[in-house]
C-alpha atoms as a PDB file:
ATOM      1  CA  MET A   1      77.072 -55.778   1.129  1.00  0.00           C
ATOM      2  CA  LYS A   2      77.278 -52.314   2.937  1.00  0.00           C
ATOM      3  CA  ALA A   3      75.712 -49.336   1.382  1.00  0.00           C
ATOM      4  CA  VAL A   4      75.037 -45.740   2.380  1.00  0.00           C
ATOM      5  CA  ARG A   5      71.728 -44.615   1.119  1.00  0.00           C
ATOM      6  CA  LEU A   6      69.360 -41.865   0.918  1.00  0.00           C
ATOM      7  CA  VAL A   7      65.967 -42.963   2.547  1.00  0.00           C
ATOM      8  CA  LYS A   8      64.265 -39.688   2.722  1.00  0.00           C
ATOM      9  CA  PRO A   9      65.085 -36.115   1.318  1.00  0.00           C
ATOM     10  CA  GLY A  10      66.212 -33.674   3.808  1.00  0.00           C
ATOM     11  CA  SER A  11      67.619 -36.363   6.073  1.00  0.00           C
ATOM     12  CA  PRO A  12      70.873 -37.779   6.722  1.00  0.00           C
ATOM     13  CA  LEU A  13      72.069 -40.579   4.678  1.00  0.00           C
ATOM     14  CA  GLU A  14      71.838 -44.144   6.235  1.00  0.00           C
ATOM     15  CA  ALA A  15      73.976 -47.186   6.218  1.00  0.00           C
ATOM     16  CA  GLN A  16      72.179 -50.320   5.313  1.00  0.00           C
ATOM     17  CA  GLU A  17      72.999 -53.960   4.404  1.00  0.00           C
ATOM     18  CA  ILE A  18      71.584 -54.684   0.965  1.00  0.00           C
ATOM     19  CA  ALA A  19      72.127 -57.754  -1.501  1.00  0.00           C
ATOM     20  CA  ILE A  20      74.766 -57.666  -3.953  1.00  0.00           C
ATOM     21  CA  PRO A  21      73.119 -56.844  -7.236  1.00  0.00           C
ATOM     22  CA  GLU A  22      72.571 -59.530  -9.782  1.00  0.00           C
ATOM     23  CA  LEU A  23      74.075 -59.433 -13.169  1.00  0.00           C
ATOM     24  CA  GLY A  24      72.389 -59.284 -16.575  1.00  0.00           C
ATOM     25  CA  ALA A  25      73.987 -60.600 -19.623  1.00  0.00           C
ATOM     26  CA  HIS A  26      75.829 -57.502 -20.675  1.00  0.00           C
ATOM     27  CA  ASP A  27      76.356 -56.176 -16.928  1.00  0.00           C
ATOM     28  CA  VAL A  28      79.668 -55.695 -15.000  1.00  0.00           C
ATOM     29  CA  LEU A  29      80.051 -56.169 -11.464  1.00  0.00           C
ATOM     30  CA  ILE A  30      82.600 -53.576  -9.856  1.00  0.00           C
ATOM     31  CA  ARG A  31      84.093 -53.715  -6.756  1.00  0.00           C
ATOM     32  CA  VAL A  32      84.262 -50.019  -5.574  1.00  0.00           C
ATOM     33  CA  GLU A  33      87.636 -48.817  -4.740  1.00  0.00           C
ATOM     34  CA  ALA A  34      86.822 -45.000  -4.779  1.00  0.00           C
ATOM     35  CA  ALA A  35      83.604 -43.173  -5.091  1.00  0.00           C
ATOM     36  CA  GLY A  36      83.770 -39.216  -5.111  1.00  0.00           C
ATOM     37  CA  ILE A  37      81.400 -37.077  -3.111  1.00  0.00           C
ATOM     38  CA  CYS A  38      79.905 -34.624  -5.496  1.00  0.00           C
ATOM     39  CA  HIS A  39      77.947 -31.276  -4.667  1.00  0.00           C
ATOM     40  CA  SER A  40      75.360 -32.849  -6.635  1.00  0.00           C
ATOM     41  CA  ASP A  41      74.928 -35.321  -3.874  1.00  0.00           C
ATOM     42  CA  ALA A  42      74.344 -32.605  -1.489  1.00  0.00           C
ATOM     43  CA  HIS A  43      71.494 -31.304  -3.643  1.00  0.00           C
ATOM     44  CA  TYR A  44      70.032 -34.869  -3.814  1.00  0.00           C
ATOM     45  CA  ARG A  45      70.095 -35.301  -0.155  1.00  0.00           C
ATOM     46  CA  ALA A  46      68.529 -32.022   0.338  1.00  0.00           C
ATOM     47  CA  GLY A  47      65.704 -32.688  -2.149  1.00  0.00           C
ATOM     48  CA  ILE A  48      66.829 -29.899  -4.551  1.00  0.00           C
ATOM     49  CA  SER A  49      67.061 -32.376  -7.351  1.00  0.00           C
ATOM     50  CA  PRO A  50      64.646 -35.243  -6.881  1.00  0.00           C
ATOM     51  CA  VAL A  51      66.095 -38.774  -6.536  1.00  0.00           C
ATOM     52  CA  GLU A  52      63.956 -41.804  -7.218  1.00  0.00           C
ATOM     53  CA  PRO A  53      63.058 -44.633  -6.367  1.00  0.00           C
ATOM     54  CA  LEU A  54      64.007 -44.367  -2.523  1.00  0.00           C
ATOM     55  CA  PRO A  55      65.879 -45.688  -0.718  1.00  0.00           C
ATOM     56  CA  LEU A  56      68.756 -45.471  -3.025  1.00  0.00           C
ATOM     57  CA  THR A  57      72.400 -45.637  -2.813  1.00  0.00           C
ATOM     58  CA  LEU A  58      74.103 -42.228  -3.832  1.00  0.00           C
ATOM     59  CA  GLY A  59      77.421 -41.765  -5.706  1.00  0.00           C
ATOM     60  CA  HIS A  60      78.002 -41.207  -9.520  1.00  0.00           C
ATOM     61  CA  GLU A  61      81.712 -40.847  -9.312  1.00  0.00           C
ATOM     62  CA  VAL A  62      82.957 -44.433  -9.265  1.00  0.00           C
ATOM     63  CA  ALA A  63      86.226 -46.319  -9.811  1.00  0.00           C
ATOM     64  CA  GLY A  64      87.021 -49.787  -8.991  1.00  0.00           C
ATOM     65  CA  VAL A  65      87.906 -53.502 -10.046  1.00  0.00           C
ATOM     66  CA  VAL A  66      85.957 -55.784 -12.160  1.00  0.00           C
ATOM     67  CA  GLU A  67      84.669 -58.541  -9.907  1.00  0.00           C
ATOM     68  CA  LYS A  68      82.419 -60.506 -12.267  1.00  0.00           C
ATOM     69  CA  THR A  69      81.078 -60.061 -15.754  1.00  0.00           C
ATOM     70  CA  GLY A  70      77.821 -61.281 -17.530  1.00  0.00           C
ATOM     71  CA  PRO A  71      78.011 -63.818 -20.106  1.00  0.00           C
ATOM     72  CA  GLU A  72      77.771 -61.497 -22.987  1.00  0.00           C
ATOM     73  CA  VAL A  73      80.461 -59.022 -21.935  1.00  0.00           C
ATOM     74  CA  GLN A  74      83.425 -58.804 -24.442  1.00  0.00           C
ATOM     75  CA  ALA A  75      85.725 -55.924 -23.363  1.00  0.00           C
ATOM     76  CA  PHE A  76      86.364 -56.567 -19.779  1.00  0.00           C
ATOM     77  CA  LYS A  77      87.645 -59.467 -17.571  1.00  0.00           C
ATOM     78  CA  ILE A  78      87.952 -60.009 -13.806  1.00  0.00           C
ATOM     79  CA  GLY A  79      90.686 -57.915 -12.310  1.00  0.00           C
ATOM     80  CA  ASP A  80      90.476 -54.957 -14.880  1.00  0.00           C
ATOM     81  CA  ARG A  81      90.788 -51.531 -13.400  1.00  0.00           C
ATOM     82  CA  VAL A  82      87.673 -49.343 -14.626  1.00  0.00           C
ATOM     83  CA  CYS A  83      85.768 -46.262 -14.101  1.00  0.00           C
ATOM     84  CA  VAL A  84      82.176 -45.605 -14.713  1.00  0.00           C
ATOM     85  CA  HIS A  85      80.396 -43.283 -17.013  1.00  0.00           C
ATOM     86  CA  TYR A  86      77.348 -42.497 -14.861  1.00  0.00           C
ATOM     87  CA  LEU A  87      74.629 -42.448 -17.426  1.00  0.00           C
ATOM     88  CA  VAL A  88      72.996 -45.751 -18.278  1.00  0.00           C
ATOM     89  CA  THR A  89      71.243 -45.452 -21.680  1.00  0.00           C
ATOM     90  CA  CYS A  90      69.591 -47.565 -24.257  1.00  0.00           C
ATOM     91  CA  GLY A  91      71.987 -47.002 -26.929  1.00  0.00           C
ATOM     92  CA  ARG A  92      69.309 -47.001 -29.726  1.00  0.00           C
ATOM     93  CA  CYS A  93      67.276 -43.922 -29.442  1.00  0.00           C
ATOM     94  CA  ILE A  94      67.935 -40.790 -31.588  1.00  0.00           C
ATOM     95  CA  TYR A  95      69.641 -39.040 -28.881  1.00  0.00           C
ATOM     96  CA  CYS A  96      72.039 -42.082 -28.130  1.00  0.00           C
ATOM     97  CA  GLU A  97      72.648 -42.416 -31.872  1.00  0.00           C
ATOM     98  CA  ALA A  98      73.413 -38.551 -32.036  1.00  0.00           C
ATOM     99  CA  GLY A  99      75.856 -38.916 -29.278  1.00  0.00           C
ATOM    100  CA  THR A 100      73.824 -36.859 -26.884  1.00  0.00           C
ATOM    101  CA  GLU A 101      72.806 -39.800 -24.721  1.00  0.00           C
ATOM    102  CA  GLN A 102      72.243 -37.645 -21.609  1.00  0.00           C
ATOM    103  CA  PHE A 103      68.755 -37.058 -23.169  1.00  0.00           C
ATOM    104  CA  CYS A 104      67.972 -40.591 -23.796  1.00  0.00           C
ATOM    105  CA  SER A 105      64.273 -41.297 -23.127  1.00  0.00           C
ATOM    106  CA  ALA A 106      65.316 -44.251 -20.907  1.00  0.00           C
ATOM    107  CA  VAL A 107      68.291 -42.705 -19.293  1.00  0.00           C
ATOM    108  CA  GLN A 108      69.246 -43.705 -15.644  1.00  0.00           C
ATOM    109  CA  MET A 109      72.018 -41.883 -13.636  1.00  0.00           C
ATOM    110  CA  ILE A 110      73.741 -44.061 -11.271  1.00  0.00           C
ATOM    111  CA  GLY A 111      73.377 -42.541  -7.904  1.00  0.00           C
ATOM    112  CA  LYS A 112      70.292 -40.795  -8.794  1.00  0.00           C
ATOM    113  CA  ASN A 113      67.838 -43.086 -10.635  1.00  0.00           C
ATOM    114  CA  ARG A 114      69.638 -46.381  -9.871  1.00  0.00           C
ATOM    115  CA  ASP A 115      72.075 -47.483  -7.214  1.00  0.00           C
ATOM    116  CA  GLY A 116      75.394 -45.688  -7.184  1.00  0.00           C
ATOM    117  CA  GLY A 117      78.882 -46.036  -5.846  1.00  0.00           C
ATOM    118  CA  TYR A 118      78.583 -45.233  -2.116  1.00  0.00           C
ATOM    119  CA  ALA A 119      78.752 -49.102  -1.670  1.00  0.00           C
ATOM    120  CA  GLU A 120      81.054 -52.049  -1.776  1.00  0.00           C
ATOM    121  CA  PHE A 121      79.833 -53.026  -5.140  1.00  0.00           C
ATOM    122  CA  ILE A 122      78.074 -51.722  -8.102  1.00  0.00           C
ATOM    123  CA  VAL A 123      76.426 -53.178 -11.228  1.00  0.00           C
ATOM    124  CA  VAL A 124      76.468 -51.324 -14.484  1.00  0.00           C
ATOM    125  CA  PRO A 125      76.035 -52.106 -18.255  1.00  0.00           C
ATOM    126  CA  GLU A 126      79.301 -52.973 -20.371  1.00  0.00           C
ATOM    127  CA  ARG A 127      78.579 -49.773 -22.363  1.00  0.00           C
ATOM    128  CA  SER A 128      79.105 -47.494 -19.332  1.00  0.00           C
ATOM    129  CA  VAL A 129      82.534 -48.943 -18.233  1.00  0.00           C
ATOM    130  CA  PHE A 130      85.806 -47.477 -19.312  1.00  0.00           C
ATOM    131  CA  ARG A 131      89.288 -48.977 -18.607  1.00  0.00           C
ATOM    132  CA  LEU A 132      91.240 -47.177 -16.028  1.00  0.00           C
ATOM    133  CA  PRO A 133      95.015 -46.755 -16.978  1.00  0.00           C
ATOM    134  CA  ASP A 134      97.521 -47.994 -14.541  1.00  0.00           C
ATOM    135  CA  GLU A 135      98.919 -44.277 -14.258  1.00  0.00           C
ATOM    136  CA  ILE A 136      95.761 -43.051 -12.757  1.00  0.00           C
ATOM    137  CA  PRO A 137      94.917 -43.776  -9.065  1.00  0.00           C
ATOM    138  CA  SER A 138      91.365 -45.015  -8.442  1.00  0.00           C
ATOM    139  CA  GLU A 139      90.631 -41.878  -6.302  1.00  0.00           C
ATOM    140  CA  GLN A 140      91.509 -39.624  -9.342  1.00  0.00           C
ATOM    141  CA  GLY A 141      89.671 -42.097 -11.752  1.00  0.00           C
ATOM    142  CA  ALA A 142      86.471 -41.608  -9.753  1.00  0.00           C
ATOM    143  CA  ILE A 143      86.427 -37.839  -9.788  1.00  0.00           C
ATOM    144  CA  LEU A 144      87.307 -37.849 -13.451  1.00  0.00           C
ATOM    145  CA  MET A 145      84.005 -39.262 -14.206  1.00  0.00           C
ATOM    146  CA  CYS A 146      82.093 -36.322 -13.048  1.00  0.00           C
ATOM    147  CA  SER A 147      83.914 -33.118 -11.998  1.00  0.00           C
ATOM    148  CA  SER A 148      86.533 -33.413 -14.743  1.00  0.00           C
ATOM    149  CA  ALA A 149      84.080 -34.813 -17.300  1.00  0.00           C
ATOM    150  CA  THR A 150      81.491 -32.068 -16.837  1.00  0.00           C
ATOM    151  CA  SER A 151      84.183 -29.408 -16.833  1.00  0.00           C
ATOM    152  CA  LEU A 152      85.342 -30.739 -20.227  1.00  0.00           C
ATOM    153  CA  HIS A 153      81.796 -30.931 -21.672  1.00  0.00           C
ATOM    154  CA  ALA A 154      80.987 -27.342 -20.298  1.00  0.00           C
ATOM    155  CA  LEU A 155      84.171 -26.095 -22.257  1.00  0.00           C
ATOM    156  CA  ASN A 156      83.075 -27.840 -25.308  1.00  0.00           C
ATOM    157  CA  LYS A 157      79.639 -26.475 -25.096  1.00  0.00           C
ATOM    158  CA  ALA A 158      81.083 -23.014 -24.699  1.00  0.00           C
ATOM    159  CA  ARG A 159      83.135 -23.382 -27.779  1.00  0.00           C
ATOM    160  CA  LEU A 160      86.281 -22.283 -26.244  1.00  0.00           C
ATOM    161  CA  HIS A 161      88.815 -21.128 -28.881  1.00  0.00           C
ATOM    162  CA  ARG A 162      92.425 -20.645 -28.487  1.00  0.00           C
ATOM    163  CA  GLY A 163      93.440 -17.061 -27.410  1.00  0.00           C
ATOM    164  CA  GLU A 164      90.140 -16.325 -25.443  1.00  0.00           C
ATOM    165  CA  THR A 165      89.926 -15.478 -21.942  1.00  0.00           C
ATOM    166  CA  VAL A 166      87.736 -17.587 -19.466  1.00  0.00           C
ATOM    167  CA  ALA A 167      86.233 -16.777 -16.018  1.00  0.00           C
ATOM    168  CA  ILE A 168      85.490 -19.842 -13.779  1.00  0.00           C
ATOM    169  CA  PHE A 169      82.873 -19.132 -11.073  1.00  0.00           C
ATOM    170  CA  GLY A 170      83.712 -21.707  -8.318  1.00  0.00           C
ATOM    171  CA  ALA A 171      87.261 -22.913  -7.719  1.00  0.00           C
ATOM    172  CA  GLY A 172      86.307 -26.321  -6.401  1.00  0.00           C
ATOM    173  CA  GLY A 173      86.718 -29.704  -7.900  1.00  0.00           C
ATOM    174  CA  LEU A 174      84.990 -28.721 -11.125  1.00  0.00           C
ATOM    175  CA  GLY A 175      86.892 -25.471 -11.228  1.00  0.00           C
ATOM    176  CA  ILE A 176      90.266 -26.856 -10.918  1.00  0.00           C
ATOM    177  CA  SER A 177      89.943 -29.348 -13.690  1.00  0.00           C
ATOM    178  CA  ALA A 178      88.165 -26.643 -15.770  1.00  0.00           C
ATOM    179  CA  LEU A 179      91.057 -24.218 -15.395  1.00  0.00           C
ATOM    180  CA  GLN A 180      93.582 -26.839 -16.365  1.00  0.00           C
ATOM    181  CA  LEU A 181      91.485 -27.916 -19.363  1.00  0.00           C
ATOM    182  CA  ALA A 182      91.013 -24.409 -20.442  1.00  0.00           C
ATOM    183  CA  LYS A 183      94.670 -23.657 -20.229  1.00  0.00           C
ATOM    184  CA  HIS A 184      95.482 -26.935 -22.354  1.00  0.00           C
ATOM    185  CA  PHE A 185      92.948 -25.705 -24.927  1.00  0.00           C
ATOM    186  CA  GLY A 186      94.755 -22.381 -25.330  1.00  0.00           C
ATOM    187  CA  ALA A 187      92.997 -20.016 -23.249  1.00  0.00           C
ATOM    188  CA  LEU A 188      94.917 -16.721 -22.913  1.00  0.00           C
ATOM    189  CA  GLU A 189      93.842 -16.028 -19.441  1.00  0.00           C
ATOM    190  CA  VAL A 190      91.746 -18.054 -16.920  1.00  0.00           C
ATOM    191  CA  PHE A 191      90.173 -16.246 -13.932  1.00  0.00           C
ATOM    192  CA  ALA A 192      89.250 -18.196 -10.984  1.00  0.00           C
ATOM    193  CA  VAL A 193      86.298 -16.489  -8.972  1.00  0.00           C
ATOM    194  CA  ASP A 194      85.515 -17.589  -5.346  1.00  0.00           C
ATOM    195  CA  ILE A 195      84.966 -16.185  -1.936  1.00  0.00           C
ATOM    196  CA  ASN A 196      87.319 -18.864  -0.332  1.00  0.00           C
ATOM    197  CA  SER A 197      91.035 -17.748  -0.090  1.00  0.00           C
ATOM    198  CA  ARG A 198      92.361 -21.225   0.131  1.00  0.00           C
ATOM    199  CA  LYS A 199      90.553 -22.261  -3.119  1.00  0.00           C
ATOM    200  CA  LEU A 200      91.854 -19.118  -4.866  1.00  0.00           C
ATOM    201  CA  ASP A 201      95.472 -19.944  -3.633  1.00  0.00           C
ATOM    202  CA  PHE A 202      95.108 -23.469  -4.930  1.00  0.00           C
ATOM    203  CA  ALA A 203      93.652 -22.048  -8.248  1.00  0.00           C
ATOM    204  CA  ARG A 204      96.725 -19.709  -8.489  1.00  0.00           C
ATOM    205  CA  GLN A 205      99.043 -22.742  -8.363  1.00  0.00           C
ATOM    206  CA  PHE A 206      97.453 -23.805 -11.569  1.00  0.00           C
ATOM    207  CA  GLY A 207      97.945 -20.642 -13.298  1.00  0.00           C
ATOM    208  CA  ALA A 208      94.732 -18.949 -12.731  1.00  0.00           C
ATOM    209  CA  ILE A 209      94.363 -15.253 -11.937  1.00  0.00           C
ATOM    210  CA  PRO A 210      92.408 -15.295  -8.594  1.00  0.00           C
ATOM    211  CA  ILE A 211      89.352 -13.009  -8.264  1.00  0.00           C
ATOM    212  CA  ASP A 212      88.222 -12.534  -4.701  1.00  0.00           C
ATOM    213  CA  ALA A 213      84.557 -12.106  -4.904  1.00  0.00           C
ATOM    214  CA  SER A 214      84.399 -11.293  -1.063  1.00  0.00           C
ATOM    215  CA  ALA A 215      86.669  -8.325  -1.611  1.00  0.00           C
ATOM    216  CA  GLY A 216      84.347  -6.474  -4.218  1.00  0.00           C
ATOM    217  CA  ASP A 217      82.141  -7.090  -7.303  1.00  0.00           C
ATOM    218  CA  PRO A 218      83.737  -9.812  -9.297  1.00  0.00           C
ATOM    219  CA  VAL A 219      82.189  -8.432 -12.590  1.00  0.00           C
ATOM    220  CA  GLN A 220      83.968  -5.271 -12.091  1.00  0.00           C
ATOM    221  CA  GLN A 221      87.202  -6.927 -11.085  1.00  0.00           C
ATOM    222  CA  LEU A 222      87.209  -8.993 -14.313  1.00  0.00           C
ATOM    223  CA  ARG A 223      86.371  -5.901 -16.501  1.00  0.00           C
ATOM    224  CA  GLU A 224      89.161  -4.195 -14.938  1.00  0.00           C
ATOM    225  CA  LEU A 225      91.643  -6.877 -15.678  1.00  0.00           C
ATOM    226  CA  THR A 226      90.369  -7.239 -19.253  1.00  0.00           C
ATOM    227  CA  SER A 227      90.537  -3.453 -20.182  1.00  0.00           C
ATOM    228  CA  GLY A 228      86.863  -3.154 -19.983  1.00  0.00           C
ATOM    229  CA  HIS A 229      85.829  -5.890 -22.457  1.00  0.00           C
ATOM    230  CA  GLY A 230      84.806  -8.701 -20.105  1.00  0.00           C
ATOM    231  CA  VAL A 231      85.709 -12.355 -20.662  1.00  0.00           C
ATOM    232  CA  ASP A 232      84.980 -14.540 -23.692  1.00  0.00           C
ATOM    233  CA  VAL A 233      83.721 -17.691 -21.655  1.00  0.00           C
ATOM    234  CA  ALA A 234      82.248 -17.696 -18.244  1.00  0.00           C
ATOM    235  CA  LEU A 235      81.679 -21.085 -16.391  1.00  0.00           C
ATOM    236  CA  GLU A 236      79.320 -21.038 -13.411  1.00  0.00           C
ATOM    237  CA  LEU A 237      79.980 -24.149 -11.436  1.00  0.00           C
ATOM    238  CA  ILE A 238      78.387 -23.202  -8.120  1.00  0.00           C
ATOM    239  CA  GLY A 239      74.530 -23.040  -8.819  1.00  0.00           C
ATOM    240  CA  LEU A 240      73.531 -19.759  -7.245  1.00  0.00           C
ATOM    241  CA  PRO A 241      71.425 -17.120  -8.863  1.00  0.00           C
ATOM    242  CA  LEU A 242      73.907 -14.474  -7.923  1.00  0.00           C
ATOM    243  CA  THR A 243      77.032 -16.127  -9.617  1.00  0.00           C
ATOM    244  CA  MET A 244      74.955 -17.061 -12.668  1.00  0.00           C
ATOM    245  CA  ARG A 245      74.018 -13.356 -13.051  1.00  0.00           C
ATOM    246  CA  GLN A 246      77.768 -12.338 -12.504  1.00  0.00           C
ATOM    247  CA  ALA A 247      78.665 -14.869 -15.128  1.00  0.00           C
ATOM    248  CA  VAL A 248      76.453 -13.278 -17.698  1.00  0.00           C
ATOM    249  CA  GLN A 249      77.311  -9.906 -16.614  1.00  0.00           C
ATOM    250  CA  SER A 250      81.121 -10.444 -17.159  1.00  0.00           C
ATOM    251  CA  LEU A 251      80.781 -11.525 -20.719  1.00  0.00           C
ATOM    252  CA  ALA A 252      82.463  -9.528 -23.631  1.00  0.00           C
ATOM    253  CA  ILE A 253      80.934  -9.059 -26.891  1.00  0.00           C
ATOM    254  CA  LEU A 254      80.004 -12.486 -28.311  1.00  0.00           C
ATOM    255  CA  GLY A 255      80.727 -13.891 -24.973  1.00  0.00           C
ATOM    256  CA  ARG A 256      79.323 -17.310 -23.864  1.00  0.00           C
ATOM    257  CA  ALA A 257      78.255 -18.059 -20.439  1.00  0.00           C
ATOM    258  CA  ALA A 258      77.865 -21.913 -19.685  1.00  0.00           C
ATOM    259  CA  LEU A 259      75.836 -22.724 -16.586  1.00  0.00           C
ATOM    260  CA  VAL A 260      76.583 -25.873 -14.863  1.00  0.00           C
ATOM    261  CA  GLY A 261      75.672 -25.595 -11.195  1.00  0.00           C
ATOM    262  CA  LEU A 262      72.217 -26.815  -9.997  1.00  0.00           C
ATOM    263  CA  THR A 263      69.551 -24.486  -8.448  1.00  0.00           C
ATOM    264  CA  ARG A 264      65.817 -24.286  -8.076  1.00  0.00           C
ATOM    265  CA  GLU A 265      66.010 -20.521  -8.206  1.00  0.00           C
ATOM    266  CA  THR A 266      65.723 -18.167 -11.060  1.00  0.00           C
ATOM    267  CA  PHE A 267      67.924 -15.101 -11.893  1.00  0.00           C
ATOM    268  CA  GLU A 268      67.386 -11.926 -13.771  1.00  0.00           C
ATOM    269  CA  VAL A 269      68.818 -10.922 -17.104  1.00  0.00           C
ATOM    270  CA  ALA A 270      68.768  -7.611 -18.866  1.00  0.00           C
ATOM    271  CA  PRO A 271      68.019  -8.880 -22.374  1.00  0.00           C
ATOM    272  CA  TYR A 272      69.211  -5.675 -24.331  1.00  0.00           C
ATOM    273  CA  ALA A 273      72.260  -4.640 -22.265  1.00  0.00           C
ATOM    274  CA  GLU A 274      73.577  -8.167 -21.356  1.00  0.00           C
ATOM    275  CA  LEU A 275      72.723 -10.237 -24.266  1.00  0.00           C
ATOM    276  CA  LEU A 276      71.194  -8.567 -27.539  1.00  0.00           C
ATOM    277  CA  ASN A 277      73.537  -5.852 -27.662  1.00  0.00           C
ATOM    278  CA  ARG A 278      76.666  -8.062 -27.351  1.00  0.00           C
ATOM    279  CA  GLU A 279      75.175 -10.972 -29.107  1.00  0.00           C
ATOM    280  CA  ALA A 280      76.172 -12.887 -25.923  1.00  0.00           C
ATOM    281  CA  GLU A 281      74.921 -16.462 -25.158  1.00  0.00           C
ATOM    282  CA  ILE A 282      73.768 -18.419 -22.082  1.00  0.00           C
ATOM    283  CA  ILE A 283      74.199 -22.034 -22.564  1.00  0.00           C
ATOM    284  CA  GLY A 284      72.828 -25.050 -20.321  1.00  0.00           C
ATOM    285  CA  VAL A 285      75.196 -27.662 -19.594  1.00  0.00           C
ATOM    286  CA  SER A 286      73.832 -31.179 -18.883  1.00  0.00           C
ATOM    287  CA  ASP A 287      76.221 -33.898 -17.748  1.00  0.00           C
ATOM    288  CA  HIS A 288      78.791 -34.966 -20.216  1.00  0.00           C
ATOM    289  CA  LEU A 289      79.212 -37.546 -22.952  1.00  0.00           C
ATOM    290  CA  ALA A 290      80.912 -41.072 -23.159  1.00  0.00           C
ATOM    291  CA  SER A 291      82.687 -39.872 -26.354  1.00  0.00           C
ATOM    292  CA  GLU A 292      84.385 -37.176 -24.300  1.00  0.00           C
ATOM    293  CA  LEU A 293      85.957 -39.675 -21.716  1.00  0.00           C
ATOM    294  CA  PRO A 294      88.612 -41.158 -23.795  1.00  0.00           C
ATOM    295  CA  LEU A 295      90.322 -37.744 -24.223  1.00  0.00           C
ATOM    296  CA  LEU A 296      89.875 -36.830 -20.774  1.00  0.00           C
ATOM    297  CA  LEU A 297      91.307 -40.269 -19.480  1.00  0.00           C
ATOM    298  CA  GLU A 298      94.448 -39.688 -21.875  1.00  0.00           C
ATOM    299  CA  LEU A 299      94.971 -36.151 -20.395  1.00  0.00           C
ATOM    300  CA  ALA A 300      94.884 -37.591 -16.863  1.00  0.00           C
ATOM    301  CA  ARG A 301      97.212 -40.547 -17.860  1.00  0.00           C
ATOM    302  CA  THR A 302      99.952 -38.130 -19.002  1.00  0.00           C
ATOM    303  CA  GLN A 303      99.121 -35.812 -16.306  1.00  0.00           C
ATOM    304  CA  THR A 304      98.436 -32.919 -18.780  1.00  0.00           C
ATOM    305  CA  LEU A 305      95.415 -32.859 -16.279  1.00  0.00           C
ATOM    306  CA  ASP A 306      96.900 -33.052 -12.648  1.00  0.00           C
ATOM    307  CA  LEU A 307      94.469 -34.212 -10.221  1.00  0.00           C
ATOM    308  CA  ALA A 308      97.344 -35.328  -7.569  1.00  0.00           C
ATOM    309  CA  HIS A 309      96.120 -32.442  -5.130  1.00  0.00           C
ATOM    310  CA  VAL A 310      92.668 -32.090  -6.061  1.00  0.00           C
ATOM    311  CA  VAL A 311      91.543 -35.025  -3.859  1.00  0.00           C
ATOM    312  CA  THR A 312      92.035 -33.199  -0.613  1.00  0.00           C
ATOM    313  CA  ARG A 313      91.077 -36.165   1.629  1.00  0.00           C
ATOM    314  CA  THR A 314      89.494 -39.604   1.843  1.00  0.00           C
ATOM    315  CA  VAL A 315      86.753 -40.985   4.118  1.00  0.00           C
ATOM    316  CA  PRO A 316      85.596 -44.367   4.828  1.00  0.00           C
ATOM    317  CA  LEU A 317      82.199 -46.011   3.849  1.00  0.00           C
ATOM    318  CA  GLU A 318      80.446 -44.704   6.887  1.00  0.00           C
ATOM    319  CA  ALA A 319      77.219 -42.679   7.040  1.00  0.00           C
ATOM    320  CA  ALA A 320      78.398 -40.157   9.553  1.00  0.00           C
ATOM    321  CA  ALA A 321      81.613 -39.347   7.792  1.00  0.00           C
ATOM    322  CA  ILE A 322      79.814 -38.983   4.380  1.00  0.00           C
ATOM    323  CA  ASN A 323      77.110 -36.845   6.015  1.00  0.00           C
ATOM    324  CA  GLY A 324      79.730 -34.583   7.374  1.00  0.00           C
ATOM    325  CA  VAL A 325      81.234 -34.143   3.968  1.00  0.00           C
ATOM    326  CA  LEU A 326      77.801 -33.306   2.501  1.00  0.00           C
ATOM    327  CA  ASP A 327      77.163 -30.738   5.309  1.00  0.00           C
ATOM    328  CA  ARG A 328      80.430 -28.905   4.257  1.00  0.00           C
ATOM    329  CA  LEU A 329      79.440 -28.956   0.657  1.00  0.00           C
ATOM    330  CA  GLU A 330      76.148 -27.324   1.554  1.00  0.00           C
ATOM    331  CA  ASP A 331      78.193 -24.609   3.410  1.00  0.00           C
ATOM    332  CA  PHE A 332      80.597 -24.238   0.612  1.00  0.00           C
ATOM    333  CA  GLY A 333      83.357 -25.398   2.696  1.00  0.00           C
ATOM    334  CA  GLU A 334      87.057 -25.592   1.887  1.00  0.00           C
ATOM    335  CA  ASP A 335      87.485 -29.228   0.574  1.00  0.00           C
ATOM    336  CA  VAL A 336      88.094 -29.411  -3.134  1.00  0.00           C
ATOM    337  CA  ARG A 337      87.107 -32.985  -3.571  1.00  0.00           C
ATOM    338  CA  VAL A 338      86.595 -35.743  -0.890  1.00  0.00           C
ATOM    339  CA  VAL A 339      86.554 -39.381  -2.001  1.00  0.00           C
ATOM    340  CA  ILE A 340      85.207 -42.469  -0.196  1.00  0.00           C
ATOM    341  CA  THR A 341      87.410 -45.456  -0.160  1.00  0.00           C
ATOM    342  CA  PRO A 342      85.397 -48.312   1.073  1.00  0.00           C
END
């Protein structure tokens, strides 16, 4: 089968012909219909977040159709439309049993520790497969599995309450899902912070108050718009030390900053002024949980979470096209979400 793979960090992805993976007893073979291209994939290609073993097929946002099942698979049959929870776990350790499977000692992330969806087929255990409702197109089902799911997990970690204010740093794929979910959960006001005017215009269409960070200090703008108080919840979805610091600085008393974006760099915090004197919190957000996906799928099925315009374009399963998208992501280009359709 055809696959687009990372061979060497810091180098373009390469197209390769590899064997269709063999099935274990509890595995499902999925013919990939859509694979989202995530900003994390740009980090993997650049070597910011290590990928092993190499070469490896990237792609952790996957939807498709069941092609074949292992003999012990119970819940799925050939022809079922499905999407994939990107964490493959043991299901038995203390973390899995507690519902925090992202910390499983045997965890493998598809597209990072095992072959992912930039291919014609993918094999995953049955426990990582979720039925995709007919109302959700495959392209939207794919991006639900990362950008939307991670946004939901970030809001859950930030303990958003009805009537609170939210600032979302980064109005890309995660940000558009995050602002819709925040609105659904009762946020009083949602501010979208970005430097890209087209993304800000898009966020405005979903009810966000745009904050143009290129026009002035976004922290000052947020405080002016909240009568000097700051916001109750700040989500940092970009992965830059500057925006992480701004997320913390924008917090109100008892505010929570949930950090999602990936970076190898550090940022400074003034402990007394920015945390202790406000009893504010900085919260790390790692992936998302399988238990969160049924609600997310239902919100998308009923179009409470509208992803119809979030997928800005599709590209073929071609190395040059995919590398071009990753280049734009590294430059924080205008695309909200691009999906591969093999």
